[in-house]
Amino acid sequence: MALTEMQLDMRPEWVVIANFDEEQSYQALQSLITQDNPPEAIFI
C-alpha cells in the first residue's frame, strides 16, 4: 500500500518470504543485498 501510494517500484525480487523464521531471514537478507540492483532499505 505504501509503495503504491507513493508510486514507487514494487519489484517482485524485492519481496522475499521468510515465514517468520530467523534462519530463512538470514538467507533472505543475503539474497537481497547481492542482487544486481539491491535495495536501499528493508522492512522486516
PDB file of all heavy atoms in Angstrom:
ATOM      1  N   MET A   1       0.827  -1.205   0.000  1.00  0.00           N
ATOM      2  CA  MET A   1       0.000   0.000   0.000  1.00  0.00           C
ATOM      3  C   MET A   1       0.865   1.260   0.000  1.00  0.00           C
ATOM      4  O   MET A   1       0.592   2.217  -0.734  1.00  0.00           O
ATOM      5  CB  MET A   1      -0.921   0.010   1.227  1.00  0.00           C
ATOM      6  CG  MET A   1      -2.171  -0.832   1.096  1.00  0.00           C
ATOM      7  SD  MET A   1      -3.144  -0.839   2.628  1.00  0.00           S
ATOM      8  CE  MET A   1      -3.351   0.921   2.910  1.00  0.00           C
ATOM      9  N   ALA A   2       1.909   1.264   0.840  1.00  0.00           N
ATOM     10  CA  ALA A   2       2.773   2.442   0.941  1.00  0.00           C
ATOM     11  C   ALA A   2       3.494   2.702  -0.375  1.00  0.00           C
ATOM     12  O   ALA A   2       3.564   3.846  -0.850  1.00  0.00           O
ATOM     13  CB  ALA A   2       3.772   2.263   2.080  1.00  0.00           C
ATOM     14  N   LEU A   3       4.042   1.660  -0.987  1.00  0.00           N
ATOM     15  CA  LEU A   3       4.763   1.840  -2.251  1.00  0.00           C
ATOM     16  C   LEU A   3       3.823   2.283  -3.371  1.00  0.00           C
ATOM     17  O   LEU A   3       4.165   3.153  -4.181  1.00  0.00           O
ATOM     18  CB  LEU A   3       5.468   0.547  -2.644  1.00  0.00           C
ATOM     19  CG  LEU A   3       6.603   0.067  -1.727  1.00  0.00           C
ATOM     20  CD1 LEU A   3       7.281  -1.154  -2.319  1.00  0.00           C
ATOM     21  CD2 LEU A   3       7.628   1.168  -1.482  1.00  0.00           C
ATOM     22  N   THR A   4       2.632   1.687  -3.408  1.00  0.00           N
ATOM     23  CA  THR A   4       1.661   2.055  -4.441  1.00  0.00           C
ATOM     24  C   THR A   4       1.236   3.509  -4.294  1.00  0.00           C
ATOM     25  O   THR A   4       1.153   4.259  -5.278  1.00  0.00           O
ATOM     26  CB  THR A   4       0.430   1.135  -4.364  1.00  0.00           C
ATOM     27  OG1 THR A   4       0.832  -0.211  -4.584  1.00  0.00           O
ATOM     28  CG2 THR A   4      -0.608   1.532  -5.404  1.00  0.00           C
ATOM     29  N   GLU A   5       0.964   3.912  -3.066  1.00  0.00           N
ATOM     30  CA  GLU A   5       0.520   5.281  -2.812  1.00  0.00           C
ATOM     31  C   GLU A   5       1.560   6.304  -3.244  1.00  0.00           C
ATOM     32  O   GLU A   5       1.226   7.385  -3.747  1.00  0.00           O
ATOM     33  CB  GLU A   5       0.206   5.444  -1.326  1.00  0.00           C
ATOM     34  CG  GLU A   5      -0.376   6.786  -0.943  1.00  0.00           C
ATOM     35  CD  GLU A   5      -0.761   6.830   0.512  1.00  0.00           C
ATOM     36  OE1 GLU A   5      -1.726   6.141   0.890  1.00  0.00           O
ATOM     37  OE2 GLU A   5      -0.099   7.568   1.273  1.00  0.00           O
ATOM     38  N   MET A   6       2.839   5.970  -3.055  1.00  0.00           N
ATOM     39  CA  MET A   6       3.918   6.899  -3.408  1.00  0.00           C
ATOM     40  C   MET A   6       4.477   6.644  -4.810  1.00  0.00           C
ATOM     41  O   MET A   6       5.470   7.243  -5.204  1.00  0.00           O
ATOM     42  CB  MET A   6       5.042   6.799  -2.368  1.00  0.00           C
ATOM     43  CG  MET A   6       4.587   7.128  -0.956  1.00  0.00           C
ATOM     44  SD  MET A   6       3.806   8.761  -0.814  1.00  0.00           S
ATOM     45  CE  MET A   6       5.208   9.817  -1.176  1.00  0.00           C
ATOM     46  N   GLN A   7       3.837   5.725  -5.545  1.00  0.00           N
ATOM     47  CA  GLN A   7       4.203   5.418  -6.931  1.00  0.00           C
ATOM     48  C   GLN A   7       5.669   5.009  -7.076  1.00  0.00           C
ATOM     49  O   GLN A   7       6.375   5.430  -7.990  1.00  0.00           O
ATOM     50  CB  GLN A   7       3.884   6.619  -7.838  1.00  0.00           C
ATOM     51  CG  GLN A   7       2.408   6.982  -7.859  1.00  0.00           C
ATOM     52  CD  GLN A   7       2.090   8.148  -8.778  1.00  0.00           C
ATOM     53  OE1 GLN A   7       2.885   9.060  -8.957  1.00  0.00           O
ATOM     54  NE2 GLN A   7       0.915   8.114  -9.397  1.00  0.00           N
ATOM     55  N   LEU A   8       6.102   4.165  -6.159  1.00  0.00           N
ATOM     56  CA  LEU A   8       7.465   3.641  -6.209  1.00  0.00           C
ATOM     57  C   LEU A   8       7.476   2.240  -6.792  1.00  0.00           C
ATOM     58  O   LEU A   8       6.471   1.520  -6.760  1.00  0.00           O
ATOM     59  CB  LEU A   8       8.067   3.611  -4.797  1.00  0.00           C
ATOM     60  CG  LEU A   8       8.307   4.968  -4.135  1.00  0.00           C
ATOM     61  CD1 LEU A   8       8.890   4.775  -2.742  1.00  0.00           C
ATOM     62  CD2 LEU A   8       9.225   5.850  -4.977  1.00  0.00           C
ATOM     63  N   ASP A   9       8.635   1.833  -7.296  1.00  0.00           N
ATOM     64  CA  ASP A   9       8.783   0.498  -7.854  1.00  0.00           C
ATOM     65  C   ASP A   9       8.480  -0.555  -6.797  1.00  0.00           C
ATOM     66  O   ASP A   9       8.907  -0.443  -5.640  1.00  0.00           O
ATOM     67  CB  ASP A   9      10.214   0.282  -8.369  1.00  0.00           C
ATOM     68  CG  ASP A   9      10.468   1.010  -9.678  1.00  0.00           C
ATOM     69  OD1 ASP A   9       9.488   1.436 -10.312  1.00  0.00           O
ATOM     70  OD2 ASP A   9      11.647   1.160 -10.049  1.00  0.00           O
ATOM     71  N   MET A  10       7.758  -1.596  -7.221  1.00  0.00           N
ATOM     72  CA  MET A  10       7.452  -2.710  -6.342  1.00  0.00           C
ATOM     73  C   MET A  10       7.909  -3.983  -7.062  1.00  0.00           C
ATOM     74  O   MET A  10       7.120  -4.721  -7.629  1.00  0.00           O
ATOM     75  CB  MET A  10       5.960  -2.738  -6.033  1.00  0.00           C
ATOM     76  CG  MET A  10       5.568  -3.665  -4.898  1.00  0.00           C
ATOM     77  SD  MET A  10       3.923  -3.286  -4.213  1.00  0.00           S
ATOM     78  CE  MET A  10       2.970  -2.894  -5.671  1.00  0.00           C
ATOM     79  N   ARG A  11       9.197  -4.206  -7.038  1.00  0.00           N
ATOM     80  CA  ARG A  11       9.781  -5.298  -7.812  1.00  0.00           C
ATOM     81  C   ARG A  11       9.571  -6.640  -7.114  1.00  0.00           C
ATOM     82  O   ARG A  11       9.796  -6.758  -5.909  1.00  0.00           O
ATOM     83  CB  ARG A  11      11.276  -5.059  -8.017  1.00  0.00           C
ATOM     84  CG  ARG A  11      11.567  -3.757  -8.761  1.00  0.00           C
ATOM     85  CD  ARG A  11      13.004  -3.692  -9.186  1.00  0.00           C
ATOM     86  NE  ARG A  11      13.273  -2.490  -9.961  1.00  0.00           N
ATOM     87  CZ  ARG A  11      14.380  -2.267 -10.650  1.00  0.00           C
ATOM     88  NH1 ARG A  11      15.334  -3.187 -10.650  1.00  0.00           N
ATOM     89  NH2 ARG A  11      14.554  -1.144 -11.321  1.00  0.00           N
ATOM     90  N   PRO A  12       9.186  -7.673  -7.855  1.00  0.00           N
ATOM     91  CA  PRO A  12       8.970  -8.994  -7.253  1.00  0.00           C
ATOM     92  C   PRO A  12      10.200  -9.513  -6.510  1.00  0.00           C
ATOM     93  O   PRO A  12      10.079 -10.168  -5.473  1.00  0.00           O
ATOM     94  CB  PRO A  12       8.622  -9.881  -8.460  1.00  0.00           C
ATOM     95  CG  PRO A  12       8.102  -8.932  -9.493  1.00  0.00           C
ATOM     96  CD  PRO A  12       8.861  -7.657  -9.292  1.00  0.00           C
ATOM     97  N   GLU A  13      11.398  -9.223  -7.052  1.00  0.00           N
ATOM     98  CA  GLU A  13      12.613  -9.737  -6.406  1.00  0.00           C
ATOM     99  C   GLU A  13      12.916  -9.047  -5.082  1.00  0.00           C
ATOM    100  O   GLU A  13      13.795  -9.483  -4.328  1.00  0.00           O
ATOM    101  CB  GLU A  13      13.806  -9.624  -7.357  1.00  0.00           C
ATOM    102  CG  GLU A  13      14.215  -8.204  -7.721  1.00  0.00           C
ATOM    103  CD  GLU A  13      13.547  -7.681  -8.977  1.00  0.00           C
ATOM    104  OE1 GLU A  13      12.441  -8.183  -9.315  1.00  0.00           O
ATOM    105  OE2 GLU A  13      14.126  -6.787  -9.629  1.00  0.00           O
ATOM    106  N   TRP A  14      12.228  -7.965  -4.792  1.00  0.00           N
ATOM    107  CA  TRP A  14      12.424  -7.265  -3.525  1.00  0.00           C
ATOM    108  C   TRP A  14      11.465  -7.741  -2.438  1.00  0.00           C
ATOM    109  O   TRP A  14      11.466  -7.214  -1.331  1.00  0.00           O
ATOM    110  CB  TRP A  14      12.261  -5.751  -3.720  1.00  0.00           C
ATOM    111  CG  TRP A  14      13.405  -5.122  -4.457  1.00  0.00           C
ATOM    112  CD1 TRP A  14      14.612  -5.687  -4.765  1.00  0.00           C
ATOM    113  CD2 TRP A  14      13.454  -3.793  -4.991  1.00  0.00           C
ATOM    114  NE1 TRP A  14      15.407  -4.806  -5.453  1.00  0.00           N
ATOM    115  CE2 TRP A  14      14.717  -3.620  -5.612  1.00  0.00           C
ATOM    116  CE3 TRP A  14      12.554  -2.727  -5.014  1.00  0.00           C
ATOM    117  CZ2 TRP A  14      15.112  -2.443  -6.234  1.00  0.00           C
ATOM    118  CZ3 TRP A  14      12.938  -1.545  -5.635  1.00  0.00           C
ATOM    119  CH2 TRP A  14      14.191  -1.400  -6.232  1.00  0.00           C
ATOM    120  N   VAL A  15      10.646  -8.725  -2.759  1.00  0.00           N
ATOM    121  CA  VAL A  15       9.749  -9.333  -1.764  1.00  0.00           C
ATOM    122  C   VAL A  15      10.206 -10.771  -1.548  1.00  0.00           C
ATOM    123  O   VAL A  15      10.070 -11.624  -2.433  1.00  0.00           O
ATOM    124  CB  VAL A  15       8.285  -9.310  -2.220  1.00  0.00           C
ATOM    125  CG1 VAL A  15       7.393 -10.032  -1.200  1.00  0.00           C
ATOM    126  CG2 VAL A  15       7.805  -7.873  -2.424  1.00  0.00           C
ATOM    127  N   VAL A  16      10.777 -11.034  -0.370  1.00  0.00           N
ATOM    128  CA  VAL A  16      11.272 -12.372  -0.051  1.00  0.00           C
ATOM    129  C   VAL A  16      10.484 -12.904   1.148  1.00  0.00           C
ATOM    130  O   VAL A  16      10.437 -12.266   2.207  1.00  0.00           O
ATOM    131  CB  VAL A  16      12.779 -12.362   0.275  1.00  0.00           C
ATOM    132  CG1 VAL A  16      13.268 -13.783   0.527  1.00  0.00           C
ATOM    133  CG2 VAL A  16      13.560 -11.706  -0.862  1.00  0.00           C
ATOM    134  N   ILE A  17       9.855 -14.055   0.977  1.00  0.00           N
ATOM    135  CA  ILE A  17       9.060 -14.665   2.045  1.00  0.00           C
ATOM    136  C   ILE A  17       9.981 -15.501   2.928  1.00  0.00           C
ATOM    137  O   ILE A  17      10.647 -16.413   2.446  1.00  0.00           O
ATOM    138  CB  ILE A  17       7.942 -15.557   1.476  1.00  0.00           C
ATOM    139  CG1 ILE A  17       7.132 -14.811   0.411  1.00  0.00           C
ATOM    140  CG2 ILE A  17       7.040 -16.053   2.606  1.00  0.00           C
ATOM    141  CD1 ILE A  17       6.460 -13.559   0.898  1.00  0.00           C
ATOM    142  N   ALA A  18      10.022 -15.167   4.216  1.00  0.00           N
ATOM    143  CA  ALA A  18      10.890 -15.903   5.147  1.00  0.00           C
ATOM    144  C   ALA A  18      10.110 -16.579   6.267  1.00  0.00           C
ATOM    145  O   ALA A  18      10.703 -17.091   7.229  1.00  0.00           O
ATOM    146  CB  ALA A  18      11.951 -14.971   5.731  1.00  0.00           C
ATOM    147  N   ASN A  19       8.769 -16.586   6.168  1.00  0.00           N
ATOM    148  CA  ASN A  19       7.917 -17.412   7.044  1.00  0.00           C
ATOM    149  C   ASN A  19       8.117 -17.173   8.538  1.00  0.00           C
ATOM    150  O   ASN A  19       7.996 -18.098   9.340  1.00  0.00           O
ATOM    151  CB  ASN A  19       8.102 -18.896   6.715  1.00  0.00           C
ATOM    152  CG  ASN A  19       7.619 -19.227   5.314  1.00  0.00           C
ATOM    153  OD1 ASN A  19       6.531 -18.841   4.925  1.00  0.00           O
ATOM    154  ND2 ASN A  19       8.466 -19.897   4.540  1.00  0.00           N
ATOM    155  N   PHE A  20       8.448 -15.929   8.899  1.00  0.00           N
ATOM    156  CA  PHE A  20       8.647 -15.573  10.318  1.00  0.00           C
ATOM    157  C   PHE A  20       9.763 -16.399  10.961  1.00  0.00           C
ATOM    158  O   PHE A  20       9.763 -16.631  12.170  1.00  0.00           O
ATOM    159  CB  PHE A  20       7.352 -15.749  11.130  1.00  0.00           C
ATOM    160  CG  PHE A  20       6.251 -14.803  10.725  1.00  0.00           C
ATOM    161  CD1 PHE A  20       4.987 -15.279  10.420  1.00  0.00           C
ATOM    162  CD2 PHE A  20       6.471 -13.442  10.657  1.00  0.00           C
ATOM    163  CE1 PHE A  20       3.967 -14.414  10.052  1.00  0.00           C
ATOM    164  CE2 PHE A  20       5.457 -12.564  10.286  1.00  0.00           C
ATOM    165  CZ  PHE A  20       4.205 -13.054   9.988  1.00  0.00           C
ATOM    166  N   ASP A  21      10.716 -16.835  10.157  1.00  0.00           N
ATOM    167  CA  ASP A  21      11.772 -17.729  10.631  1.00  0.00           C
ATOM    168  C   ASP A  21      13.122 -17.015  10.600  1.00  0.00           C
ATOM    169  O   ASP A  21      13.494 -16.387   9.593  1.00  0.00           O
ATOM    170  CB  ASP A  21      11.819 -18.987   9.759  1.00  0.00           C
ATOM    171  CG  ASP A  21      12.889 -19.957  10.198  1.00  0.00           C
ATOM    172  OD1 ASP A  21      12.651 -20.700  11.162  1.00  0.00           O
ATOM    173  OD2 ASP A  21      13.974 -19.948   9.582  1.00  0.00           O
ATOM    174  N   GLU A  22      13.886 -17.123  11.673  1.00  0.00           N
ATOM    175  CA  GLU A  22      15.160 -16.421  11.782  1.00  0.00           C
ATOM    176  C   GLU A  22      16.166 -16.861  10.727  1.00  0.00           C
ATOM    177  O   GLU A  22      16.816 -16.035  10.084  1.00  0.00           O
ATOM    178  CB  GLU A  22      15.746 -16.635  13.184  1.00  0.00           C
ATOM    179  CG  GLU A  22      17.064 -15.928  13.410  1.00  0.00           C
ATOM    180  CD  GLU A  22      17.613 -16.142  14.811  1.00  0.00           C
ATOM    181  OE1 GLU A  22      16.819 -16.430  15.730  1.00  0.00           O
ATOM    182  OE2 GLU A  22      18.846 -16.037  14.991  1.00  0.00           O
ATOM    183  N   GLU A  23      16.300 -18.172  10.528  1.00  0.00           N
ATOM    184  CA  GLU A  23      17.281 -18.665   9.570  1.00  0.00           C
ATOM    185  C   GLU A  23      16.903 -18.314   8.138  1.00  0.00           C
ATOM    186  O   GLU A  23      17.761 -17.957   7.318  1.00  0.00           O
ATOM    187  CB  GLU A  23      17.455 -20.179   9.717  1.00  0.00           C
ATOM    188  CG  GLU A  23      18.224 -20.593  10.961  1.00  0.00           C
ATOM    189  CD  GLU A  23      19.597 -19.941  11.033  1.00  0.00           C
ATOM    190  OE1 GLU A  23      20.294 -19.877   9.993  1.00  0.00           O
ATOM    191  OE2 GLU A  23      19.984 -19.487  12.126  1.00  0.00           O
ATOM    192  N   GLN A  24      15.618 -18.402   7.815  1.00  0.00           N
ATOM    193  CA  GLN A  24      15.189 -18.030   6.469  1.00  0.00           C
ATOM    194  C   GLN A  24      15.413 -16.542   6.226  1.00  0.00           C
ATOM    195  O   GLN A  24      15.747 -16.128   5.113  1.00  0.00           O
ATOM    196  CB  GLN A  24      13.711 -18.383   6.274  1.00  0.00           C
ATOM    197  CG  GLN A  24      13.438 -19.878   6.190  1.00  0.00           C
ATOM    198  CD  GLN A  24      12.002 -20.186   5.838  1.00  0.00           C
ATOM    199  OE1 GLN A  24      11.416 -19.557   4.959  1.00  0.00           O
ATOM    200  NE2 GLN A  24      11.417 -21.164   6.520  1.00  0.00           N
ATOM    201  N   SER A  25      15.260 -15.732   7.261  1.00  0.00           N
ATOM    202  CA  SER A  25      15.513 -14.300   7.117  1.00  0.00           C
ATOM    203  C   SER A  25      16.993 -14.019   6.909  1.00  0.00           C
ATOM    204  O   SER A  25      17.358 -13.120   6.140  1.00  0.00           O
ATOM    205  CB  SER A  25      15.005 -13.552   8.349  1.00  0.00           C
ATOM    206  OG  SER A  25      15.241 -12.168   8.235  1.00  0.00           O
ATOM    207  N   TYR A  26      17.841 -14.771   7.582  1.00  0.00           N
ATOM    208  CA  TYR A  26      19.297 -14.653   7.397  1.00  0.00           C
ATOM    209  C   TYR A  26      19.639 -14.840   5.917  1.00  0.00           C
ATOM    210  O   TYR A  26      20.372 -14.036   5.319  1.00  0.00           O
ATOM    211  CB  TYR A  26      19.995 -15.695   8.254  1.00  0.00           C
ATOM    212  CG  TYR A  26      21.502 -15.704   8.156  1.00  0.00           C
ATOM    213  CD1 TYR A  26      22.282 -15.010   9.084  1.00  0.00           C
ATOM    214  CD2 TYR A  26      22.151 -16.430   7.160  1.00  0.00           C
ATOM    215  CE1 TYR A  26      23.670 -15.028   9.011  1.00  0.00           C
ATOM    216  CE2 TYR A  26      23.532 -16.452   7.066  1.00  0.00           C
ATOM    217  CZ  TYR A  26      24.295 -15.748   7.998  1.00  0.00           C
ATOM    218  OH  TYR A  26      25.665 -15.768   7.915  1.00  0.00           O
ATOM    219  N   GLN A  27      19.076 -15.883   5.323  1.00  0.00           N
ATOM    220  CA  GLN A  27      19.334 -16.160   3.913  1.00  0.00           C
ATOM    221  C   GLN A  27      18.677 -15.111   3.011  1.00  0.00           C
ATOM    222  O   GLN A  27      19.241 -14.716   1.982  1.00  0.00           O
ATOM    223  CB  GLN A  27      18.816 -17.559   3.570  1.00  0.00           C
ATOM    224  CG  GLN A  27      19.542 -18.669   4.325  1.00  0.00           C
ATOM    225  CD  GLN A  27      18.838 -20.004   4.234  1.00  0.00           C
ATOM    226  OE1 GLN A  27      17.935 -20.192   3.425  1.00  0.00           O
ATOM    227  NE2 GLN A  27      19.237 -20.944   5.082  1.00  0.00           N
ATOM    228  N   ALA A  28      17.503 -14.640   3.411  1.00  0.00           N
ATOM    229  CA  ALA A  28      16.793 -13.636   2.608  1.00  0.00           C
ATOM    230  C   ALA A  28      17.587 -12.342   2.528  1.00  0.00           C
ATOM    231  O   ALA A  28      17.688 -11.724   1.456  1.00  0.00           O
ATOM    232  CB  ALA A  28      15.414 -13.372   3.211  1.00  0.00           C
ATOM    233  N   LEU A  29      18.162 -11.921   3.643  1.00  0.00           N
ATOM    234  CA  LEU A  29      18.944 -10.677   3.662  1.00  0.00           C
ATOM    235  C   LEU A  29      20.132 -10.795   2.713  1.00  0.00           C
ATOM    236  O   LEU A  29      20.432  -9.888   1.933  1.00  0.00           O
ATOM    237  CB  LEU A  29      19.381 -10.374   5.085  1.00  0.00           C
ATOM    238  CG  LEU A  29      20.059  -9.033   5.428  1.00  0.00           C
ATOM    239  CD1 LEU A  29      21.486  -8.941   4.955  1.00  0.00           C
ATOM    240  CD2 LEU A  29      19.231  -7.864   4.926  1.00  0.00           C
ATOM    241  N   GLN A  30      20.810 -11.935   2.774  1.00  0.00           N
ATOM    242  CA  GLN A  30      21.956 -12.130   1.899  1.00  0.00           C
ATOM    243  C   GLN A  30      21.560 -12.121   0.424  1.00  0.00           C
ATOM    244  O   GLN A  30      22.260 -11.555  -0.419  1.00  0.00           O
ATOM    245  CB  GLN A  30      22.667 -13.435   2.255  1.00  0.00           C
ATOM    246  CG  GLN A  30      23.365 -13.393   3.620  1.00  0.00           C
ATOM    247  CD  GLN A  30      24.155 -14.645   3.901  1.00  0.00           C
ATOM    248  OE1 GLN A  30      23.759 -15.742   3.520  1.00  0.00           O
ATOM    249  NE2 GLN A  30      25.288 -14.498   4.578  1.00  0.00           N
ATOM    250  N   SER A  31      20.405 -12.729   0.117  1.00  0.00           N
ATOM    251  CA  SER A  31      19.966 -12.753  -1.292  1.00  0.00           C
ATOM    252  C   SER A  31      19.592 -11.357  -1.772  1.00  0.00           C
ATOM    253  O   SER A  31      19.825 -11.017  -2.940  1.00  0.00           O
ATOM    254  CB  SER A  31      18.774 -13.700  -1.454  1.00  0.00           C
ATOM    255  OG  SER A  31      17.600 -13.161  -0.871  1.00  0.00           O
ATOM    256  N   LEU A  32      19.049 -10.522  -0.896  1.00  0.00           N
ATOM    257  CA  LEU A  32      18.639  -9.172  -1.293  1.00  0.00           C
ATOM    258  C   LEU A  32      19.841  -8.272  -1.580  1.00  0.00           C
ATOM    259  O   LEU A  32      19.858  -7.529  -2.565  1.00  0.00           O
ATOM    260  CB  LEU A  32      17.767  -8.547  -0.203  1.00  0.00           C
ATOM    261  CG  LEU A  32      16.323  -9.049  -0.121  1.00  0.00           C
ATOM    262  CD1 LEU A  32      15.653  -8.586   1.169  1.00  0.00           C
ATOM    263  CD2 LEU A  32      15.512  -8.573  -1.333  1.00  0.00           C
ATOM    264  N   ILE A  33      20.847  -8.333  -0.721  1.00  0.00           N
ATOM    265  CA  ILE A  33      21.957  -7.399  -0.873  1.00  0.00           C
ATOM    266  C   ILE A  33      22.939  -7.819  -1.968  1.00  0.00           C
ATOM    267  O   ILE A  33      23.809  -7.028  -2.360  1.00  0.00           O
ATOM    268  CB  ILE A  33      22.724  -7.205   0.448  1.00  0.00           C
ATOM    269  CG1 ILE A  33      23.343  -8.515   0.919  1.00  0.00           C
ATOM    270  CG2 ILE A  33      21.812  -6.616   1.519  1.00  0.00           C
ATOM    271  CD1 ILE A  33      24.213  -8.360   2.157  1.00  0.00           C
ATOM    272  N   THR A  34      22.801  -9.045  -2.482  1.00  0.00           N
ATOM    273  CA  THR A  34      23.689  -9.489  -3.562  1.00  0.00           C
ATOM    274  C   THR A  34      23.034  -9.377  -4.939  1.00  0.00           C
ATOM    275  O   THR A  34      23.602  -9.831  -5.938  1.00  0.00           O
ATOM    276  CB  THR A  34      24.132 -10.943  -3.322  1.00  0.00           C
ATOM    277  OG1 THR A  34      22.976 -11.779  -3.174  1.00  0.00           O
ATOM    278  CG2 THR A  34      25.006 -11.049  -2.079  1.00  0.00           C
ATOM    279  N   GLN A  35      21.846  -8.796  -5.011  1.00  0.00           N
ATOM    280  CA  GLN A  35      21.189  -8.593  -6.301  1.00  0.00           C
ATOM    281  C   GLN A  35      21.923  -7.525  -7.115  1.00  0.00           C
ATOM    282  O   GLN A  35      22.641  -6.694  -6.572  1.00  0.00           O
ATOM    283  CB  GLN A  35      19.723  -8.170  -6.083  1.00  0.00           C
ATOM    284  CG  GLN A  35      18.850  -9.255  -5.485  1.00  0.00           C
ATOM    285  CD  GLN A  35      17.417  -8.784  -5.253  1.00  0.00           C
ATOM    286  OE1 GLN A  35      17.038  -7.679  -5.635  1.00  0.00           O
ATOM    287  NE2 GLN A  35      16.615  -9.641  -4.631  1.00  0.00           N
ATOM    288  N   ASP A  36      21.706  -7.536  -8.419  1.00  0.00           N
ATOM    289  CA  ASP A  36      22.338  -6.544  -9.293  1.00  0.00           C
ATOM    290  C   ASP A  36      21.888  -5.127  -8.951  1.00  0.00           C
ATOM    291  O   ASP A  36      22.661  -4.179  -9.060  1.00  0.00           O
ATOM    292  CB  ASP A  36      22.006  -6.849 -10.768  1.00  0.00           C
ATOM    293  CG  ASP A  36      22.671  -8.127 -11.255  1.00  0.00           C
ATOM    294  OD1 ASP A  36      23.685  -8.526 -10.640  1.00  0.00           O
ATOM    295  OD2 ASP A  36      22.163  -8.726 -12.216  1.00  0.00           O
ATOM    296  N   ASN A  37      20.624  -4.999  -8.549  1.00  0.00           N
ATOM    297  CA  ASN A  37      20.081  -3.702  -8.155  1.00  0.00           C
ATOM    298  C   ASN A  37      19.527  -3.834  -6.731  1.00  0.00           C
ATOM    299  O   ASN A  37      18.312  -3.905  -6.527  1.00  0.00           O
ATOM    300  CB  ASN A  37      18.972  -3.275  -9.126  1.00  0.00           C
ATOM    301  CG  ASN A  37      18.472  -1.875  -8.827  1.00  0.00           C
ATOM    302  OD1 ASN A  37      19.198  -1.037  -8.300  1.00  0.00           O
ATOM    303  ND2 ASN A  37      17.204  -1.622  -9.157  1.00  0.00           N
ATOM    304  N   PRO A  38      20.422  -3.867  -5.737  1.00  0.00           N
ATOM    305  CA  PRO A  38      19.978  -4.153  -4.365  1.00  0.00           C
ATOM    306  C   PRO A  38      19.151  -3.013  -3.783  1.00  0.00           C
ATOM    307  O   PRO A  38      19.274  -1.859  -4.195  1.00  0.00           O
ATOM    308  CB  PRO A  38      21.291  -4.321  -3.610  1.00  0.00           C
ATOM    309  CG  PRO A  38      22.267  -3.497  -4.367  1.00  0.00           C
ATOM    310  CD  PRO A  38      21.877  -3.621  -5.799  1.00  0.00           C
ATOM    311  N   PRO A  39      18.312  -3.328  -2.802  1.00  0.00           N
ATOM    312  CA  PRO A  39      17.515  -2.288  -2.161  1.00  0.00           C
ATOM    313  C   PRO A  39      18.370  -1.379  -1.280  1.00  0.00           C
ATOM    314  O   PRO A  39      19.459  -1.763  -0.841  1.00  0.00           O
ATOM    315  CB  PRO A  39      16.517  -3.081  -1.316  1.00  0.00           C
ATOM    316  CG  PRO A  39      17.205  -4.380  -1.040  1.00  0.00           C
ATOM    317  CD  PRO A  39      18.032  -4.670  -2.249  1.00  0.00           C
ATOM    318  N   GLU A  40      17.826  -0.178  -1.030  1.00  0.00           N
ATOM    319  CA  GLU A  40      18.468   0.756  -0.102  1.00  0.00           C
ATOM    320  C   GLU A  40      17.951   0.577   1.321  1.00  0.00           C
ATOM    321  O   GLU A  40      18.619   0.962   2.281  1.00  0.00           O
ATOM    322  CB  GLU A  40      18.163   2.200  -0.513  1.00  0.00           C
ATOM    323  CG  GLU A  40      18.533   2.576  -1.927  1.00  0.00           C
ATOM    324  CD  GLU A  40      17.929   3.913  -2.284  1.00  0.00           C
ATOM    325  OE1 GLU A  40      16.686   4.057  -2.244  1.00  0.00           O
ATOM    326  OE2 GLU A  40      18.719   4.832  -2.598  1.00  0.00           O
ATOM    327  N   ALA A  41      16.749   0.026   1.438  1.00  0.00           N
ATOM    328  CA  ALA A  41      16.107  -0.121   2.746  1.00  0.00           C
ATOM    329  C   ALA A  41      15.265  -1.390   2.736  1.00  0.00           C
ATOM    330  O   ALA A  41      14.794  -1.830   1.683  1.00  0.00           O
ATOM    331  CB  ALA A  41      15.234   1.094   3.051  1.00  0.00           C
ATOM    332  N   ILE A  42      15.086  -1.972   3.925  1.00  0.00           N
ATOM    333  CA  ILE A  42      14.303  -3.199   4.036  1.00  0.00           C
ATOM    334  C   ILE A  42      13.342  -3.080   5.221  1.00  0.00           C
ATOM    335  O   ILE A  42      13.749  -2.692   6.327  1.00  0.00           O
ATOM    336  CB  ILE A  42      15.195  -4.442   4.234  1.00  0.00           C
ATOM    337  CG1 ILE A  42      16.164  -4.602   3.060  1.00  0.00           C
ATOM    338  CG2 ILE A  42      14.341  -5.703   4.388  1.00  0.00           C
ATOM    339  CD1 ILE A  42      17.134  -5.766   3.223  1.00  0.00           C
ATOM    340  N   PHE A  43      12.087  -3.436   4.978  1.00  0.00           N
ATOM    341  CA  PHE A  43      11.105  -3.577   6.044  1.00  0.00           C
ATOM    342  C   PHE A  43      11.002  -5.063   6.383  1.00  0.00           C
ATOM    343  O   PHE A  43      10.748  -5.892   5.511  1.00  0.00           O
ATOM    344  CB  PHE A  43       9.740  -3.037   5.609  1.00  0.00           C
ATOM    345  CG  PHE A  43       8.621  -3.441   6.535  1.00  0.00           C
ATOM    346  CD1 PHE A  43       8.598  -2.999   7.855  1.00  0.00           C
ATOM    347  CD2 PHE A  43       7.608  -4.276   6.088  1.00  0.00           C
ATOM    348  CE1 PHE A  43       7.586  -3.390   8.709  1.00  0.00           C
ATOM    349  CE2 PHE A  43       6.578  -4.663   6.941  1.00  0.00           C
ATOM    350  CZ  PHE A  43       6.570  -4.219   8.252  1.00  0.00           C
ATOM    351  N   ILE A  44      11.201  -5.393   7.665  1.00  0.00           N
ATOM    352  CA  ILE A  44      11.212  -6.793   8.116  1.00  0.00           C
ATOM    353  C   ILE A  44       9.967  -7.035   8.961  1.00  0.00           C
ATOM    354  O   ILE A  44       9.663  -6.273   9.884  1.00  0.00           O
ATOM    355  CB  ILE A  44      12.481  -7.082   8.937  1.00  0.00           C
ATOM    356  CG1 ILE A  44      13.724  -6.667   8.136  1.00  0.00           C
ATOM    357  CG2 ILE A  44      12.558  -8.558   9.306  1.00  0.00           C
ATOM    358  CD1 ILE A  44      14.997  -6.667   8.953  1.00  0.00           C
TER     359      ILE A  44
END
